[in-house]
Amino acid sequence: MTTARAVPQYCPYCGEDQIRPWGDDPDKDHAQWKCEDCLRVFEVRYKGTTGHD
């Protein structure tokens, strides 16, 4: 089992792929990302499973 998180491939707002880690500690799981094109900062969060088999 791996604990590494997948890196987002593009900005969910503008669709560009120039994104960088962002925040106070960018080495800590890269919880926040900054788009270099539209300058928005976003997070990718796991919400859970649907419970369906």
PDB file of N, CA and C in Angstrom:
ATOM      1  N   MET A   1       0.850  -1.191   0.000  1.00  0.00           N
ATOM      2  CA  MET A   1       0.000   0.000   0.000  1.00  0.00           C
ATOM      3  C   MET A   1       0.886   1.242   0.000  1.00  0.00           C
ATOM      4  N   THR A   2       0.565   2.168  -0.855  1.00  0.00           N
ATOM      5  CA  THR A   2       1.335   3.408  -0.938  1.00  0.00           C
ATOM      6  C   THR A   2       0.590   4.542  -0.245  1.00  0.00           C
ATOM      7  N   THR A   3       1.343   5.441   0.357  1.00  0.00           N
ATOM      8  CA  THR A   3       0.721   6.597   1.019  1.00  0.00           C
ATOM      9  C   THR A   3       0.933   7.869   0.209  1.00  0.00           C
ATOM     10  N   ALA A   4       1.696   7.790  -0.873  1.00  0.00           N
ATOM     11  CA  ALA A   4       1.926   8.963  -1.705  1.00  0.00           C
ATOM     12  C   ALA A   4       0.644   9.351  -2.438  1.00  0.00           C
ATOM     13  N   ARG A   5       0.410  10.625  -2.519  1.00  0.00           N
ATOM     14  CA  ARG A   5      -0.781  11.125  -3.206  1.00  0.00           C
ATOM     15  C   ARG A   5      -0.454  11.441  -4.651  1.00  0.00           C
ATOM     16  N   ALA A   6      -1.433  11.295  -5.495  1.00  0.00           N
ATOM     17  CA  ALA A   6      -1.259  11.644  -6.902  1.00  0.00           C
ATOM     18  C   ALA A   6      -1.218  13.163  -7.046  1.00  0.00           C
ATOM     19  N   VAL A   7      -0.422  13.625  -7.945  1.00  0.00           N
ATOM     20  CA  VAL A   7      -0.300  15.058  -8.217  1.00  0.00           C
ATOM     21  C   VAL A   7      -1.384  15.457  -9.209  1.00  0.00           C
ATOM     22  N   PRO A   8      -2.110  16.556  -8.935  1.00  0.00           N
ATOM     23  CA  PRO A   8      -3.100  17.013  -9.916  1.00  0.00           C
ATOM     24  C   PRO A   8      -2.412  17.322 -11.249  1.00  0.00           C
ATOM     25  N   GLN A   9      -3.084  17.038 -12.334  1.00  0.00           N
ATOM     26  CA  GLN A   9      -2.508  17.241 -13.660  1.00  0.00           C
ATOM     27  C   GLN A   9      -2.856  18.601 -14.265  1.00  0.00           C
ATOM     28  N   TYR A  10      -3.914  19.237 -13.753  1.00  0.00           N
ATOM     29  CA  TYR A  10      -4.339  20.518 -14.309  1.00  0.00           C
ATOM     30  C   TYR A  10      -5.162  21.288 -13.281  1.00  0.00           C
ATOM     31  N   CYS A  11      -5.322  22.562 -13.514  1.00  0.00           N
ATOM     32  CA  CYS A  11      -6.119  23.431 -12.647  1.00  0.00           C
ATOM     33  C   CYS A  11      -7.602  23.132 -12.878  1.00  0.00           C
ATOM     34  N   PRO A  12      -8.376  22.906 -11.827  1.00  0.00           N
ATOM     35  CA  PRO A  12      -9.802  22.633 -12.008  1.00  0.00           C
ATOM     36  C   PRO A  12     -10.604  23.863 -12.433  1.00  0.00           C
ATOM     37  N   TYR A  13     -10.004  25.045 -12.388  1.00  0.00           N
ATOM     38  CA  TYR A  13     -10.704  26.272 -12.750  1.00  0.00           C
ATOM     39  C   TYR A  13     -10.470  26.677 -14.203  1.00  0.00           C
ATOM     40  N   CYS A  14      -9.191  26.728 -14.617  1.00  0.00           N
ATOM     41  CA  CYS A  14      -8.896  27.196 -15.973  1.00  0.00           C
ATOM     42  C   CYS A  14      -8.427  26.082 -16.906  1.00  0.00           C
ATOM     43  N   GLY A  15      -8.067  24.927 -16.345  1.00  0.00           N
ATOM     44  CA  GLY A  15      -7.658  23.792 -17.163  1.00  0.00           C
ATOM     45  C   GLY A  15      -6.194  23.783 -17.562  1.00  0.00           C
ATOM     46  N   GLU A  16      -5.437  24.790 -17.181  1.00  0.00           N
ATOM     47  CA  GLU A  16      -4.015  24.831 -17.536  1.00  0.00           C
ATOM     48  C   GLU A  16      -3.214  23.884 -16.638  1.00  0.00           C
ATOM     49  N   ASP A  17      -2.013  23.524 -17.080  1.00  0.00           N
ATOM     50  CA  ASP A  17      -1.234  22.526 -16.336  1.00  0.00           C
ATOM     51  C   ASP A  17      -0.024  23.100 -15.598  1.00  0.00           C
ATOM     52  N   GLN A  18       0.050  24.418 -15.467  1.00  0.00           N
ATOM     53  CA  GLN A  18       1.157  25.058 -14.753  1.00  0.00           C
ATOM     54  C   GLN A  18       0.779  25.234 -13.281  1.00  0.00           C
ATOM     55  N   ILE A  19       0.800  24.151 -12.516  1.00  0.00           N
ATOM     56  CA  ILE A  19       0.446  24.206 -11.099  1.00  0.00           C
ATOM     57  C   ILE A  19       1.653  23.840 -10.249  1.00  0.00           C
ATOM     58  N   ARG A  20       1.722  24.448  -9.070  1.00  0.00           N
ATOM     59  CA  ARG A  20       2.845  24.267  -8.153  1.00  0.00           C
ATOM     60  C   ARG A  20       2.306  24.054  -6.741  1.00  0.00           C
ATOM     61  N   PRO A  21       3.078  23.347  -5.895  1.00  0.00           N
ATOM     62  CA  PRO A  21       2.680  23.237  -4.478  1.00  0.00           C
ATOM     63  C   PRO A  21       2.601  24.633  -3.863  1.00  0.00           C
ATOM     64  N   TRP A  22       1.695  24.800  -2.908  1.00  0.00           N
ATOM     65  CA  TRP A  22       1.461  26.111  -2.307  1.00  0.00           C
ATOM     66  C   TRP A  22       1.173  25.949  -0.820  1.00  0.00           C
ATOM     67  N   GLY A  23       1.501  26.955  -0.041  1.00  0.00           N
ATOM     68  CA  GLY A  23       1.178  26.956   1.378  1.00  0.00           C
ATOM     69  C   GLY A  23       2.399  27.169   2.248  1.00  0.00           C
ATOM     70  N   ASP A  24       2.179  27.108   3.555  1.00  0.00           N
ATOM     71  CA  ASP A  24       3.255  27.343   4.522  1.00  0.00           C
ATOM     72  C   ASP A  24       4.347  26.284   4.437  1.00  0.00           C
ATOM     73  N   ASP A  25       3.947  25.033   4.186  1.00  0.00           N
ATOM     74  CA  ASP A  25       4.907  23.930   4.112  1.00  0.00           C
ATOM     75  C   ASP A  25       4.615  23.107   2.864  1.00  0.00           C
ATOM     76  N   PRO A  26       5.128  23.525   1.710  1.00  0.00           N
ATOM     77  CA  PRO A  26       4.798  22.842   0.463  1.00  0.00           C
ATOM     78  C   PRO A  26       5.291  21.396   0.404  1.00  0.00           C
ATOM     79  N   ASP A  27       6.205  20.998   1.294  1.00  0.00           N
ATOM     80  CA  ASP A  27       6.680  19.611   1.312  1.00  0.00           C
ATOM     81  C   ASP A  27       5.762  18.693   2.106  1.00  0.00           C
ATOM     82  N   LYS A  28       4.765  19.235   2.790  1.00  0.00           N
ATOM     83  CA  LYS A  28       3.853  18.442   3.614  1.00  0.00           C
ATOM     84  C   LYS A  28       2.657  17.994   2.783  1.00  0.00           C
ATOM     85  N   ASP A  29       2.791  16.869   2.091  1.00  0.00           N
ATOM     86  CA  ASP A  29       1.725  16.241   1.316  1.00  0.00           C
ATOM     87  C   ASP A  29       1.162  17.116   0.195  1.00  0.00           C
ATOM     88  N   HIS A  30       1.713  18.273  -0.052  1.00  0.00           N
ATOM     89  CA  HIS A  30       1.226  19.147  -1.127  1.00  0.00           C
ATOM     90  C   HIS A  30      -0.291  19.294  -1.060  1.00  0.00           C
ATOM     91  N   ALA A  31      -0.792  19.706   0.093  1.00  0.00           N
ATOM     92  CA  ALA A  31      -2.233  19.811   0.298  1.00  0.00           C
ATOM     93  C   ALA A  31      -2.864  20.919  -0.535  1.00  0.00           C
ATOM     94  N   GLN A  32      -2.109  21.954  -0.828  1.00  0.00           N
ATOM     95  CA  GLN A  32      -2.649  23.053  -1.617  1.00  0.00           C
ATOM     96  C   GLN A  32      -1.790  23.252  -2.863  1.00  0.00           C
ATOM     97  N   TRP A  33      -2.437  23.707  -3.925  1.00  0.00           N
ATOM     98  CA  TRP A  33      -1.775  23.926  -5.202  1.00  0.00           C
ATOM     99  C   TRP A  33      -2.119  25.303  -5.736  1.00  0.00           C
ATOM    100  N   LYS A  34      -1.168  25.960  -6.390  1.00  0.00           N
ATOM    101  CA  LYS A  34      -1.393  27.262  -6.992  1.00  0.00           C
ATOM    102  C   LYS A  34      -1.242  27.131  -8.501  1.00  0.00           C
ATOM    103  N   CYS A  35      -2.207  27.647  -9.234  1.00  0.00           N
ATOM    104  CA  CYS A  35      -2.138  27.681 -10.681  1.00  0.00           C
ATOM    105  C   CYS A  35      -1.356  28.928 -11.089  1.00  0.00           C
ATOM    106  N   GLU A  36      -0.295  28.742 -11.847  1.00  0.00           N
ATOM    107  CA  GLU A  36       0.526  29.865 -12.284  1.00  0.00           C
ATOM    108  C   GLU A  36      -0.153  30.692 -13.380  1.00  0.00           C
ATOM    109  N   ASP A  37      -1.192  30.157 -14.006  1.00  0.00           N
ATOM    110  CA  ASP A  37      -1.888  30.881 -15.068  1.00  0.00           C
ATOM    111  C   ASP A  37      -3.008  31.773 -14.531  1.00  0.00           C
ATOM    112  N   CYS A  38      -3.924  31.202 -13.745  1.00  0.00           N
ATOM    113  CA  CYS A  38      -5.056  31.995 -13.246  1.00  0.00           C
ATOM    114  C   CYS A  38      -4.849  32.477 -11.808  1.00  0.00           C
ATOM    115  N   LEU A  39      -3.757  32.037 -11.164  1.00  0.00           N
ATOM    116  CA  LEU A  39      -3.349  32.447  -9.813  1.00  0.00           C
ATOM    117  C   LEU A  39      -4.281  31.956  -8.711  1.00  0.00           C
ATOM    118  N   ARG A  40      -5.163  31.006  -9.017  1.00  0.00           N
ATOM    119  CA  ARG A  40      -6.033  30.450  -7.985  1.00  0.00           C
ATOM    120  C   ARG A  40      -5.283  29.384  -7.188  1.00  0.00           C
ATOM    121  N   VAL A  41      -5.648  29.250  -5.914  1.00  0.00           N
ATOM    122  CA  VAL A  41      -5.110  28.214  -5.048  1.00  0.00           C
ATOM    123  C   VAL A  41      -6.247  27.246  -4.749  1.00  0.00           C
ATOM    124  N   PHE A  42      -5.966  25.940  -4.829  1.00  0.00           N
ATOM    125  CA  PHE A  42      -7.008  24.946  -4.605  1.00  0.00           C
ATOM    126  C   PHE A  42      -6.457  23.740  -3.868  1.00  0.00           C
ATOM    127  N   GLU A  43      -7.364  22.924  -3.334  1.00  0.00           N
ATOM    128  CA  GLU A  43      -7.023  21.674  -2.657  1.00  0.00           C
ATOM    129  C   GLU A  43      -7.739  20.529  -3.346  1.00  0.00           C
ATOM    130  N   VAL A  44      -7.132  19.358  -3.282  1.00  0.00           N
ATOM    131  CA  VAL A  44      -7.779  18.132  -3.741  1.00  0.00           C
ATOM    132  C   VAL A  44      -7.965  17.285  -2.490  1.00  0.00           C
ATOM    133  N   ARG A  45      -9.226  17.008  -2.141  1.00  0.00           N
ATOM    134  CA  ARG A  45      -9.506  16.272  -0.903  1.00  0.00           C
ATOM    135  C   ARG A  45     -10.271  14.996  -1.180  1.00  0.00           C
ATOM    136  N   TYR A  46      -9.924  13.962  -0.432  1.00  0.00           N
ATOM    137  CA  TYR A  46     -10.631  12.692  -0.480  1.00  0.00           C
ATOM    138  C   TYR A  46     -11.863  12.801   0.407  1.00  0.00           C
ATOM    139  N   LYS A  47     -13.031  12.496  -0.121  1.00  0.00           N
ATOM    140  CA  LYS A  47     -14.280  12.626   0.625  1.00  0.00           C
ATOM    141  C   LYS A  47     -14.782  11.308   1.209  1.00  0.00           C
ATOM    142  N   GLY A  48     -14.375  10.175   0.637  1.00  0.00           N
ATOM    143  CA  GLY A  48     -14.827   8.882   1.135  1.00  0.00           C
ATOM    144  C   GLY A  48     -15.350   8.033  -0.006  1.00  0.00           C
ATOM    145  N   THR A  49     -15.901   6.891   0.339  1.00  0.00           N
ATOM    146  CA  THR A  49     -16.474   6.014  -0.664  1.00  0.00           C
ATOM    147  C   THR A  49     -17.994   6.113  -0.651  1.00  0.00           C
ATOM    148  N   THR A  50     -18.620   5.635  -1.706  1.00  0.00           N
ATOM    149  CA  THR A  50     -20.069   5.737  -1.817  1.00  0.00           C
ATOM    150  C   THR A  50     -20.783   4.644  -1.034  1.00  0.00           C
ATOM    151  N   GLY A  51     -20.076   3.576  -0.685  1.00  0.00           N
ATOM    152  CA  GLY A  51     -20.699   2.488   0.043  1.00  0.00           C
ATOM    153  C   GLY A  51     -21.389   1.476  -0.829  1.00  0.00           C
ATOM    154  N   HIS A  52     -21.367   1.677  -2.148  1.00  0.00           N
ATOM    155  CA  HIS A  52     -21.993   0.747  -3.081  1.00  0.00           C
ATOM    156  C   HIS A  52     -21.013  -0.352  -3.435  1.00  0.00           C
ATOM    157  N   ASP A  53     -21.515  -1.551  -3.593  1.00  0.00           N
ATOM    158  CA  ASP A  53     -20.651  -2.680  -3.976  1.00  0.00           C
ATOM    159  C   ASP A  53     -20.500  -2.767  -5.465  1.00  0.00           C
TER     160      ASP A  53
END
